[in-house]
Amino acid sequence: MSHKIKVNLTQNSRLASLDFNNIPFGKTFSDHMFVADYENGEWKNFEIRPFGNLTLHPANMAIHYGQSIFEGMKASKMQDGTPALFRCEMHSKRINASAVRMSMPEFPEDVFHQAVEMLVDIDRDWIPPAEGSSLYIRPFMYATDEFLGVKPSSTYKFVIITGPVGSYYDKPVTLWAEEKYIRAAQGGTGEAKSAGNYAGSLLPTRLANERGFDQILWLDAQHHKYVQEAGTMNLVFVIDGVFITAPTDGTILRGITRDTILKLLPDLEIPYEVRDLSIDEIVEAHKAGKLNEVFGCGTAAVVSHVSSITYRDLTMELPPVSERRIGALLKKTIDKMRTGEIGDRYGWVQPIVSSILETI
């Protein structure tokens, strides 16, 4: 079903000022954005308009009580230059799952898909041509009631912005296994992409950075023993050739890259287990020389290799990236699927063939 989305194109494109060879992550934004409003129990005012500032009342409830959620996805170009999305439907479902957990209204999935496709189509020239680069897509929703009181807002704004990005991490990262601070607990909001989840991670991450580590390996809230995530990524361990990742039990984000990888593993004949994994088991595997690989997986980086993990006074160095097989193979497979170099039997790749600009 096609919805009426008003299109107001910019008269002052900033594309000519973009240096495609120097694109810092998250600091450059494309020409247009999508906006919608939730009022009186329905979503309305669908519009693509020039990228610009949003205005907020000082008593905006998102600022005071944290009703704010977001998604992260990417568009890339296939070999013939056609823009393409990857697993768009999973992102629409996940932002709605976050909305439900944060007592916010769900956004219509068909409007989500149409808006993303139109926005990427209009700003397709912002997709960088370099391998490993992409157009990052950030849908988000926030409360807009002007009221100081702890309750769900009755009005909301839904926005999608995009921006070209290069590689997220340019080198393997070092991890600190955190035992004091936690990311999420059972019954909490760890599974939602809520802004507050990320705010709570900033202090412990800064403290880890000051000790010389790039990111945190989060442990469970109850025992401070079982691994959860690394920074903002799902985490994978390869022990004695077996791929192991933690279950998404409510404390761990249901990563779409993680889900993609788990579906690809049988095709690639890689043995795997989804189970709880303790830091003690990781230490023993390292001592036995069986800790082959550790990497994070997520939308931004796809695969981000870990060079070492420090737990208390023990630093576990990982083999050089050049000697690792599984993480590199998974990243290569997903990247080539996105560009059409290998077949997509799952229907994950969504080429944007028709141009909305031809109809405006």
Protein backbone atom coordinates (compact mmCIF):
# COMPACT_ATOMS: atom_id res chain seq x y z
CA MET A 1 0.00 0.00 0.00
CA SER A 2 1.37 3.40 -0.99
CA HIS A 3 0.88 6.33 1.38
CA LYS A 4 0.82 10.01 0.55
CA ILE A 5 4.19 11.43 1.58
CA LYS A 6 4.65 15.10 0.79
CA VAL A 7 8.02 15.84 -0.83
CA ASN A 8 9.69 19.23 -0.50
CA LEU A 9 13.11 19.16 -2.15
CA THR A 10 15.98 21.38 -1.05
CA GLN A 11 17.03 24.24 -3.29
CA ASN A 12 20.51 24.30 -1.74
CA SER A 13 22.14 20.88 -1.89
CA ARG A 14 25.29 20.48 0.19
CA LEU A 15 26.53 17.49 -1.83
CA ALA A 16 29.18 19.48 -3.71
CA SER A 17 30.94 20.25 -0.40
CA LEU A 18 31.27 16.58 0.57
CA ASP A 19 34.74 14.99 0.47
CA PHE A 20 34.03 11.31 -0.15
CA ASN A 21 37.60 10.48 0.86
CA ASN A 22 37.16 11.95 4.33
CA ILE A 23 33.85 11.05 5.95
CA PRO A 24 33.94 10.85 9.76
CA PHE A 25 31.22 8.60 11.16
CA GLY A 26 28.06 10.36 12.30
CA LYS A 27 29.07 13.96 11.54
CA THR A 28 27.89 14.46 7.95
CA PHE A 29 24.23 14.47 6.96
CA SER A 30 22.42 14.29 3.65
CA ASP A 31 20.11 16.89 2.11
CA HIS A 32 16.72 15.59 3.27
CA MET A 33 14.87 14.00 6.17
CA PHE A 34 11.50 12.38 6.76
CA VAL A 35 9.17 13.62 9.52
CA ALA A 36 5.79 12.52 10.87
CA ASP A 37 3.62 13.44 13.85
CA TYR A 38 1.52 11.36 16.22
CA GLU A 39 -1.57 13.22 17.42
CA ASN A 40 -5.00 12.10 18.60
CA GLY A 41 -4.07 8.45 18.32
CA GLU A 42 -2.82 8.44 14.72
CA TRP A 43 0.30 9.11 12.65
CA LYS A 44 -0.04 12.00 10.17
CA ASN A 45 1.81 14.78 8.35
CA PHE A 46 4.16 12.46 6.44
CA GLU A 47 6.77 14.63 4.74
CA ILE A 48 10.25 14.52 3.23
CA ARG A 49 11.79 17.95 3.57
CA PRO A 50 15.21 19.62 3.60
CA PHE A 51 17.44 18.54 6.48
CA GLY A 52 17.20 21.06 9.29
CA ASN A 53 16.87 21.69 12.99
CA LEU A 54 13.93 20.55 15.10
CA THR A 55 12.41 22.84 17.73
CA LEU A 56 11.59 21.71 21.28
CA HIS A 57 9.61 23.21 24.12
CA PRO A 58 11.63 23.47 27.38
CA ALA A 59 9.16 21.04 29.02
CA ASN A 60 9.48 18.47 26.22
CA MET A 61 8.84 15.12 27.89
CA ALA A 62 11.55 13.28 25.94
CA ILE A 63 14.17 15.50 27.55
CA HIS A 64 12.82 15.08 31.07
CA TYR A 65 11.63 11.45 31.10
CA GLY A 66 13.52 9.73 28.32
CA GLN A 67 10.88 8.56 25.86
CA SER A 68 13.28 8.42 22.94
CA ILE A 69 14.16 5.45 20.73
CA PHE A 70 16.11 4.93 17.51
CA GLU A 71 17.27 2.49 14.86
CA GLY A 72 20.43 2.19 12.79
CA MET A 73 20.52 0.77 9.26
CA LYS A 74 22.43 1.27 6.03
CA ALA A 75 21.98 1.65 2.29
CA SER A 76 24.75 0.75 -0.11
CA LYS A 77 25.24 0.55 -3.86
CA MET A 78 25.18 -2.67 -5.82
CA GLN A 79 27.75 -3.39 -8.53
CA ASP A 80 25.67 -1.61 -11.17
CA GLY A 81 25.24 1.48 -8.98
CA THR A 82 21.68 0.71 -7.86
CA PRO A 83 21.00 1.78 -4.25
CA ALA A 84 19.92 -1.10 -2.02
CA LEU A 85 18.61 -1.59 1.50
CA PHE A 86 19.35 -4.64 3.65
CA ARG A 87 16.70 -6.33 5.79
CA CYS A 88 14.62 -3.17 6.07
CA GLU A 89 11.64 -5.06 7.49
CA MET A 90 13.69 -6.21 10.49
CA HIS A 91 14.51 -2.63 11.39
CA SER A 92 10.87 -1.57 11.23
CA LYS A 93 9.90 -4.45 13.51
CA ARG A 94 12.71 -3.70 15.96
CA ILE A 95 11.94 -0.01 16.35
CA ASN A 96 8.33 -0.97 17.05
CA ALA A 97 9.49 -3.48 19.66
CA SER A 98 11.46 -0.66 21.28
CA ALA A 99 8.36 1.55 21.09
CA VAL A 100 6.22 -1.03 22.88
CA ARG A 101 8.80 -1.39 25.69
CA MET A 102 8.99 2.39 26.14
CA SER A 103 5.18 2.84 26.09
CA MET A 104 5.27 4.66 22.76
CA PRO A 105 3.04 4.18 19.70
CA GLU A 106 4.17 1.78 16.98
CA PHE A 107 4.94 3.33 13.61
CA PRO A 108 3.22 1.75 10.55
CA GLU A 109 5.71 -0.63 8.97
CA ASP A 110 4.54 0.02 5.42
CA VAL A 111 5.03 3.79 5.89
CA PHE A 112 8.47 3.10 7.41
CA HIS A 113 9.51 1.07 4.35
CA GLN A 114 8.13 3.62 1.89
CA ALA A 115 9.73 6.56 3.68
CA VAL A 116 13.15 4.91 3.89
CA GLU A 117 13.05 3.91 0.24
CA MET A 118 11.98 7.37 -0.92
CA LEU A 119 14.54 9.12 1.26
CA VAL A 120 17.42 6.94 0.04
CA ASP A 121 16.22 7.31 -3.54
CA ILE A 122 16.17 11.12 -3.31
CA ASP A 123 19.63 11.28 -1.67
CA ARG A 124 21.15 8.36 -3.59
CA ASP A 125 24.10 10.51 -4.73
CA TRP A 126 25.16 10.78 -1.09
CA ILE A 127 25.98 7.04 -0.98
CA PRO A 128 29.80 6.84 -1.01
CA PRO A 129 31.33 4.72 -3.80
CA ALA A 130 34.23 3.30 -1.75
CA GLU A 131 34.10 -0.31 -0.59
CA GLY A 132 33.02 -0.55 3.06
CA SER A 133 31.28 2.82 2.93
CA SER A 134 27.52 3.33 2.98
CA LEU A 135 24.65 5.70 3.65
CA TYR A 136 23.80 5.38 7.33
CA ILE A 137 20.06 5.65 8.07
CA ARG A 138 18.88 6.79 11.50
CA PRO A 139 15.13 6.52 12.20
CA PHE A 140 14.12 7.81 15.63
CA MET A 141 11.04 8.70 17.66
CA TYR A 142 10.62 10.97 20.65
CA ALA A 143 7.87 12.33 22.90
CA THR A 144 6.63 15.84 22.19
CA ASP A 145 4.14 16.61 24.98
CA GLU A 146 4.94 19.83 26.85
CA PHE A 147 4.37 18.66 30.41
CA LEU A 148 6.34 18.02 33.57
CA GLY A 149 4.87 14.79 34.87
CA VAL A 150 5.91 11.15 34.77
CA LYS A 151 3.56 9.51 32.29
CA PRO A 152 3.62 8.48 28.63
CA SER A 153 3.37 11.37 26.22
CA SER A 154 0.24 11.66 24.07
CA THR A 155 2.10 13.13 21.09
CA TYR A 156 5.29 12.03 19.31
CA LYS A 157 7.50 12.86 16.37
CA PHE A 158 9.06 10.27 14.07
CA VAL A 159 12.11 11.32 12.04
CA ILE A 160 14.52 9.64 9.63
CA ILE A 161 17.87 11.25 8.83
CA THR A 162 20.70 9.86 6.71
CA GLY A 163 24.39 10.52 6.22
CA PRO A 164 27.36 9.05 4.34
CA VAL A 165 29.81 7.05 6.42
CA GLY A 166 33.13 5.33 5.98
CA SER A 167 34.38 2.46 8.11
CA TYR A 168 33.20 2.55 11.75
CA TYR A 169 36.31 1.00 13.33
CA ASP A 170 39.63 1.17 11.53
CA LYS A 171 41.52 -1.19 13.86
CA PRO A 172 40.83 -4.10 16.22
CA VAL A 173 39.56 -2.94 19.61
CA THR A 174 40.68 -3.67 23.15
CA LEU A 175 38.04 -4.64 25.74
CA TRP A 176 37.82 -4.21 29.50
CA ALA A 177 35.61 -6.77 31.29
CA GLU A 178 33.50 -4.55 33.57
CA GLU A 179 32.49 -5.91 36.98
CA LYS A 180 31.10 -2.84 38.76
CA TYR A 181 28.80 -1.19 36.23
CA ILE A 182 26.17 -3.03 34.20
CA ARG A 183 24.53 -2.36 30.85
CA ALA A 184 21.22 -4.14 31.43
CA ALA A 185 19.36 -6.43 33.82
CA GLN A 186 16.51 -8.89 33.43
CA GLY A 187 13.23 -7.01 33.24
CA GLY A 188 14.94 -3.78 32.20
CA THR A 189 15.19 -2.01 28.87
CA GLY A 190 18.37 -3.66 27.56
CA GLU A 191 16.61 -5.15 24.55
CA ALA A 192 15.23 -1.76 23.44
CA LYS A 193 17.22 0.79 21.45
CA SER A 194 16.33 3.46 23.97
CA ALA A 195 18.50 6.55 24.31
CA GLY A 196 18.87 6.05 28.06
CA ASN A 197 20.56 2.68 27.60
CA TYR A 198 23.41 4.39 25.82
CA ALA A 199 23.60 7.30 28.26
CA GLY A 200 24.11 4.84 31.12
CA SER A 201 27.12 3.33 29.36
CA LEU A 202 29.02 6.58 28.94
CA LEU A 203 30.64 6.86 32.38
CA PRO A 204 31.99 3.28 32.56
CA THR A 205 33.14 3.54 28.94
CA ARG A 206 34.98 6.79 29.68
CA LEU A 207 36.63 5.20 32.71
CA ALA A 208 37.71 2.25 30.55
CA ASN A 209 39.06 4.65 27.93
CA GLU A 210 41.09 6.43 30.62
CA ARG A 211 42.64 3.07 31.51
CA GLY A 212 43.65 2.61 27.88
CA PHE A 213 40.83 0.38 26.60
CA ASP A 214 38.62 1.06 23.58
CA GLN A 215 35.40 -0.50 24.80
CA ILE A 216 33.72 -2.50 27.55
CA LEU A 217 32.87 -6.16 27.66
CA TRP A 218 29.61 -6.10 29.60
CA LEU A 219 28.91 -8.88 32.10
CA ASP A 220 25.51 -9.90 33.47
CA ALA A 221 23.95 -7.87 36.28
CA GLN A 222 23.35 -10.72 38.74
CA HIS A 223 26.60 -12.69 38.74
CA HIS A 224 29.01 -10.36 36.89
CA LYS A 225 30.09 -13.54 35.18
CA TYR A 226 28.31 -14.14 31.86
CA VAL A 227 29.22 -12.07 28.81
CA GLN A 228 26.55 -9.89 27.22
CA GLU A 229 27.73 -7.32 24.67
CA ALA A 230 30.81 -5.31 23.76
CA GLY A 231 30.22 -1.58 23.73
CA THR A 232 27.17 -1.25 21.48
CA MET A 233 27.68 -4.51 19.60
CA ASN A 234 26.60 -8.12 19.95
CA LEU A 235 29.64 -10.22 20.80
CA VAL A 236 30.96 -13.44 19.27
CA PHE A 237 33.63 -15.83 20.54
CA VAL A 238 35.25 -18.54 18.44
CA ILE A 239 36.53 -21.23 20.79
CA ASP A 240 38.25 -24.27 19.31
CA GLY A 241 36.62 -23.50 15.95
CA VAL A 242 33.08 -23.15 17.31
CA PHE A 243 31.16 -19.86 16.95
CA ILE A 244 29.52 -18.95 20.31
CA THR A 245 27.22 -16.03 21.08
CA ALA A 246 24.94 -15.19 23.99
CA PRO A 247 21.16 -15.67 23.72
CA THR A 248 18.93 -12.60 23.36
CA ASP A 249 17.15 -13.08 26.66
CA GLY A 250 15.83 -9.56 27.19
CA THR A 251 19.10 -7.95 28.28
CA ILE A 252 20.80 -8.13 24.89
CA LEU A 253 19.76 -6.20 21.80
CA ARG A 254 18.29 -8.40 19.07
CA GLY A 255 20.97 -7.46 16.58
CA ILE A 256 19.99 -7.72 12.94
CA THR A 257 23.58 -8.36 11.88
CA ARG A 258 23.72 -11.06 14.57
CA ASP A 259 20.53 -12.64 13.19
CA THR A 260 21.92 -12.45 9.65
CA ILE A 261 25.13 -14.16 10.71
CA LEU A 262 23.31 -16.94 12.57
CA LYS A 263 21.29 -17.69 9.43
CA LEU A 264 24.44 -17.74 7.28
CA LEU A 265 26.46 -20.08 9.52
CA PRO A 266 24.89 -23.35 8.26
CA ASP A 267 25.47 -22.25 4.65
CA LEU A 268 29.12 -21.61 5.45
CA GLU A 269 29.41 -24.91 7.38
CA ILE A 270 30.52 -23.15 10.55
CA PRO A 271 29.59 -24.95 13.81
CA TYR A 272 27.88 -22.68 16.30
CA GLU A 273 26.23 -22.48 19.70
CA VAL A 274 23.86 -19.88 21.17
CA ARG A 275 24.34 -20.15 24.93
CA ASP A 276 25.53 -18.45 28.08
CA LEU A 277 29.30 -18.05 28.14
CA SER A 278 31.16 -17.16 31.33
CA ILE A 279 34.28 -15.06 31.60
CA ASP A 280 35.89 -18.01 33.42
CA GLU A 281 35.34 -20.25 30.38
CA ILE A 282 36.91 -17.59 28.17
CA VAL A 283 39.95 -17.41 30.44
CA GLU A 284 40.32 -21.20 30.37
CA ALA A 285 40.00 -21.26 26.58
CA HIS A 286 42.69 -18.62 26.28
CA LYS A 287 45.03 -20.51 28.61
CA ALA A 288 44.48 -23.65 26.54
CA GLY A 289 45.24 -21.81 23.29
CA LYS A 290 41.69 -22.35 22.03
CA LEU A 291 40.43 -18.76 21.98
CA ASN A 292 40.64 -18.31 18.21
CA GLU A 293 38.64 -15.14 17.58
CA VAL A 294 36.53 -12.51 19.31
CA PHE A 295 34.54 -9.93 17.38
CA GLY A 296 31.60 -7.63 17.72
CA CYS A 297 28.86 -7.49 15.11
CA GLY A 298 26.45 -4.70 14.33
CA THR A 299 25.00 -2.50 11.62
CA ALA A 300 27.75 0.12 11.63
CA ALA A 301 30.83 -2.11 11.51
CA VAL A 302 29.29 -5.48 10.41
CA VAL A 303 32.29 -7.20 12.05
CA SER A 304 34.70 -5.46 14.43
CA HIS A 305 37.64 -7.58 15.56
CA VAL A 306 38.84 -7.59 19.17
CA SER A 307 42.59 -7.58 19.75
CA SER A 308 42.58 -8.24 23.51
CA ILE A 309 40.34 -8.67 26.55
CA THR A 310 41.48 -7.61 30.01
CA TYR A 311 39.77 -9.24 32.98
CA ARG A 312 41.03 -8.02 36.34
CA ASP A 313 44.83 -8.30 36.06
CA LEU A 314 44.83 -10.73 33.11
CA THR A 315 45.13 -9.47 29.53
CA MET A 316 44.20 -12.07 26.93
CA GLU A 317 45.77 -11.28 23.57
CA LEU A 318 43.97 -12.63 20.51
CA PRO A 319 45.67 -14.03 17.38
CA PRO A 320 46.45 -11.49 14.62
CA VAL A 321 43.46 -10.65 12.42
CA SER A 322 45.33 -12.09 9.43
CA GLU A 323 45.13 -15.53 11.08
CA ARG A 324 41.38 -15.39 11.76
CA ARG A 325 38.94 -17.04 9.38
CA ILE A 326 35.36 -16.85 10.60
CA GLY A 327 34.89 -13.12 11.28
CA ALA A 328 36.53 -12.15 8.01
CA LEU A 329 34.47 -14.69 6.05
CA LEU A 330 31.20 -13.47 7.56
CA LYS A 331 31.96 -9.81 6.84
CA LYS A 332 33.03 -10.62 3.28
CA THR A 333 29.87 -12.66 2.70
CA ILE A 334 27.52 -9.94 3.97
CA ASP A 335 29.35 -7.17 2.11
CA LYS A 336 29.26 -9.12 -1.17
CA MET A 337 25.60 -9.95 -0.66
CA ARG A 338 24.86 -6.25 -0.29
CA THR A 339 26.59 -5.43 -3.57
CA GLY A 340 25.08 -8.35 -5.47
CA GLU A 341 28.42 -10.10 -6.00
CA ILE A 342 26.96 -13.23 -4.46
CA GLY A 343 23.39 -14.46 -4.58
CA ASP A 344 20.75 -13.53 -2.03
CA ARG A 345 18.52 -16.54 -1.57
CA TYR A 346 16.96 -15.02 1.55
CA GLY A 347 15.52 -11.93 -0.12
CA TRP A 348 17.37 -9.62 2.25
CA VAL A 349 18.62 -7.14 -0.36
CA GLN A 350 16.06 -4.58 -1.52
CA PRO A 351 17.23 -2.70 -4.65
CA ILE A 352 15.72 0.76 -5.17
CA VAL A 353 15.19 0.69 -8.91
CA SER A 354 12.57 3.34 -9.71
CA SER A 355 13.39 6.97 -9.08
CA ILE A 356 10.96 9.11 -7.10
CA LEU A 357 12.54 12.20 -8.66
CA GLU A 358 11.08 11.28 -12.03
CA THR A 359 7.55 11.63 -10.65
CA ILE A 360 7.96 14.92 -8.84
